[in-house]
Amino acid sequence: MATLLPRSFGLAEAIFVRNGNKLLAAATANNLPNKQQVRNLNVHEYVSYTLLHDHGIPVPKFNVAKTKEEAVQFARDLNTKDIVLKAQA
């Protein structure tokens, strides 16, 4: 048995040296997506937060302001110094 082991390694090495590129290409080709992912739903972040919140899924506190005065009031209502302000058009 011990004498067969080095031969089998030699045979495997010879096969890999001759066909290594083909083996690697075949192995990686199956792991790659065949086409670009398609997004069927494209909504603003506040819409997705609202949908999640309405169905009982926890989301960070958020508000939608249409004026700068509303934004200031919402920031005061949160009662924190850590605020993220995003603009979406």
C-alpha atoms as a PDB file:
ATOM      1  CA  MET A   1       0.000   0.000   0.000  1.00  0.00           C
ATOM      2  CA  ALA A   2       2.809   2.388   0.864  1.00  0.00           C
ATOM      3  CA  THR A   3       4.348   1.960  -2.569  1.00  0.00           C
ATOM      4  CA  LEU A   4       1.064   2.827  -4.339  1.00  0.00           C
ATOM      5  CA  LEU A   5       0.668   6.136  -2.521  1.00  0.00           C
ATOM      6  CA  PRO A   6       3.577   7.962  -4.192  1.00  0.00           C
ATOM      7  CA  ARG A   7       2.459   6.667  -7.606  1.00  0.00           C
ATOM      8  CA  SER A   8      -1.085   7.927  -7.150  1.00  0.00           C
ATOM      9  CA  PHE A   9       0.210  11.347  -6.136  1.00  0.00           C
ATOM     10  CA  GLY A  10       2.463  11.385  -9.173  1.00  0.00           C
ATOM     11  CA  LEU A  11      -0.438  10.480 -11.443  1.00  0.00           C
ATOM     12  CA  ALA A  12      -2.697  13.120  -9.899  1.00  0.00           C
ATOM     13  CA  GLU A  13       0.040  15.722 -10.247  1.00  0.00           C
ATOM     14  CA  ALA A  14       0.605  14.828 -13.900  1.00  0.00           C
ATOM     15  CA  ILE A  15      -3.117  15.126 -14.651  1.00  0.00           C
ATOM     16  CA  PHE A  16      -3.338  18.465 -12.861  1.00  0.00           C
ATOM     17  CA  VAL A  17      -0.263  19.855 -14.636  1.00  0.00           C
ATOM     18  CA  ARG A  18      -1.714  18.933 -18.037  1.00  0.00           C
ATOM     19  CA  ASN A  19      -5.324  19.967 -17.358  1.00  0.00           C
ATOM     20  CA  GLY A  20      -5.100  22.400 -14.429  1.00  0.00           C
ATOM     21  CA  ASN A  21      -6.480  25.417 -16.272  1.00  0.00           C
ATOM     22  CA  LYS A  22      -9.456  23.452 -17.592  1.00  0.00           C
ATOM     23  CA  LEU A  23     -10.209  22.003 -14.162  1.00  0.00           C
ATOM     24  CA  LEU A  24     -10.053  25.386 -12.463  1.00  0.00           C
ATOM     25  CA  ALA A  25     -12.180  27.056 -15.145  1.00  0.00           C
ATOM     26  CA  ALA A  26     -14.833  24.350 -14.873  1.00  0.00           C
ATOM     27  CA  ALA A  27     -14.887  24.590 -11.086  1.00  0.00           C
ATOM     28  CA  THR A  28     -15.258  28.379 -10.980  1.00  0.00           C
ATOM     29  CA  ALA A  29     -17.684  28.674 -13.908  1.00  0.00           C
ATOM     30  CA  ASN A  30     -20.364  26.811 -11.972  1.00  0.00           C
ATOM     31  CA  ASN A  31     -20.098  29.191  -9.016  1.00  0.00           C
ATOM     32  CA  LEU A  32     -20.583  32.389 -11.017  1.00  0.00           C
ATOM     33  CA  PRO A  33     -24.021  33.819 -11.802  1.00  0.00           C
ATOM     34  CA  ASN A  34     -25.056  33.330 -15.399  1.00  0.00           C
ATOM     35  CA  LYS A  35     -26.568  36.779 -15.777  1.00  0.00           C
ATOM     36  CA  GLN A  36     -26.907  40.110 -14.028  1.00  0.00           C
ATOM     37  CA  GLN A  37     -29.345  40.161 -11.118  1.00  0.00           C
ATOM     38  CA  VAL A  38     -32.625  41.894 -11.936  1.00  0.00           C
ATOM     39  CA  ARG A  39     -34.271  44.153  -9.353  1.00  0.00           C
ATOM     40  CA  ASN A  40     -38.039  43.929  -9.652  1.00  0.00           C
ATOM     41  CA  LEU A  41     -38.842  46.243  -6.747  1.00  0.00           C
ATOM     42  CA  ASN A  42     -37.233  49.658  -6.445  1.00  0.00           C
ATOM     43  CA  VAL A  43     -38.572  51.799  -3.574  1.00  0.00           C
ATOM     44  CA  HIS A  44     -37.241  54.631  -1.451  1.00  0.00           C
ATOM     45  CA  GLU A  45     -35.790  53.722   1.915  1.00  0.00           C
ATOM     46  CA  TYR A  46     -38.598  55.393   3.853  1.00  0.00           C
ATOM     47  CA  VAL A  47     -41.190  53.352   1.907  1.00  0.00           C
ATOM     48  CA  SER A  48     -39.419  50.080   2.725  1.00  0.00           C
ATOM     49  CA  TYR A  49     -39.072  51.123   6.395  1.00  0.00           C
ATOM     50  CA  THR A  50     -42.795  51.902   6.497  1.00  0.00           C
ATOM     51  CA  LEU A  51     -43.695  48.528   4.963  1.00  0.00           C
ATOM     52  CA  LEU A  52     -41.467  46.671   7.415  1.00  0.00           C
ATOM     53  CA  HIS A  53     -42.718  48.677  10.413  1.00  0.00           C
ATOM     54  CA  ASP A  54     -46.379  48.149   9.460  1.00  0.00           C
ATOM     55  CA  HIS A  55     -45.811  44.385   9.459  1.00  0.00           C
ATOM     56  CA  GLY A  56     -44.173  44.266  12.879  1.00  0.00           C
ATOM     57  CA  ILE A  57     -40.532  44.110  11.800  1.00  0.00           C
ATOM     58  CA  PRO A  58     -38.254  46.295  13.954  1.00  0.00           C
ATOM     59  CA  VAL A  59     -36.707  49.265  12.137  1.00  0.00           C
ATOM     60  CA  PRO A  60     -34.795  52.321  13.386  1.00  0.00           C
ATOM     61  CA  LYS A  61     -36.843  55.375  14.322  1.00  0.00           C
ATOM     62  CA  PHE A  62     -37.479  57.470  11.250  1.00  0.00           C
ATOM     63  CA  ASN A  63     -39.603  60.321   9.943  1.00  0.00           C
ATOM     64  CA  VAL A  64     -40.183  61.881   6.566  1.00  0.00           C
ATOM     65  CA  ALA A  65     -39.872  65.651   6.475  1.00  0.00           C
ATOM     66  CA  LYS A  66     -40.906  67.805   3.544  1.00  0.00           C
ATOM     67  CA  THR A  67     -39.617  71.094   4.954  1.00  0.00           C
ATOM     68  CA  LYS A  68     -36.587  72.055   6.973  1.00  0.00           C
ATOM     69  CA  GLU A  69     -38.849  73.043   9.865  1.00  0.00           C
ATOM     70  CA  GLU A  70     -40.300  69.532   9.947  1.00  0.00           C
ATOM     71  CA  ALA A  71     -36.773  68.093   9.903  1.00  0.00           C
ATOM     72  CA  VAL A  72     -35.773  70.229  12.885  1.00  0.00           C
ATOM     73  CA  GLN A  73     -38.921  69.220  14.796  1.00  0.00           C
ATOM     74  CA  PHE A  74     -38.395  65.519  14.066  1.00  0.00           C
ATOM     75  CA  ALA A  75     -34.770  65.818  15.221  1.00  0.00           C
ATOM     76  CA  ARG A  76     -35.900  67.395  18.495  1.00  0.00           C
ATOM     77  CA  ASP A  77     -38.547  64.688  18.981  1.00  0.00           C
ATOM     78  CA  LEU A  78     -35.890  61.963  18.695  1.00  0.00           C
ATOM     79  CA  ASN A  79     -34.104  63.526  21.682  1.00  0.00           C
ATOM     80  CA  THR A  80     -30.621  62.399  20.661  1.00  0.00           C
ATOM     81  CA  LYS A  81     -27.438  63.919  19.331  1.00  0.00           C
ATOM     82  CA  ASP A  82     -26.901  61.067  16.850  1.00  0.00           C
ATOM     83  CA  ILE A  83     -28.901  61.905  13.733  1.00  0.00           C
ATOM     84  CA  VAL A  84     -28.692  60.738  10.149  1.00  0.00           C
ATOM     85  CA  LEU A  85     -30.294  63.014   7.580  1.00  0.00           C
ATOM     86  CA  LYS A  86     -30.921  61.628   4.102  1.00  0.00           C
ATOM     87  CA  ALA A  87     -32.334  63.298   1.034  1.00  0.00           C
ATOM     88  CA  GLN A  88     -34.276  61.254  -1.485  1.00  0.00           C
ATOM     89  CA  ALA A  89     -35.754  62.619  -4.645  1.00  0.00           C
END
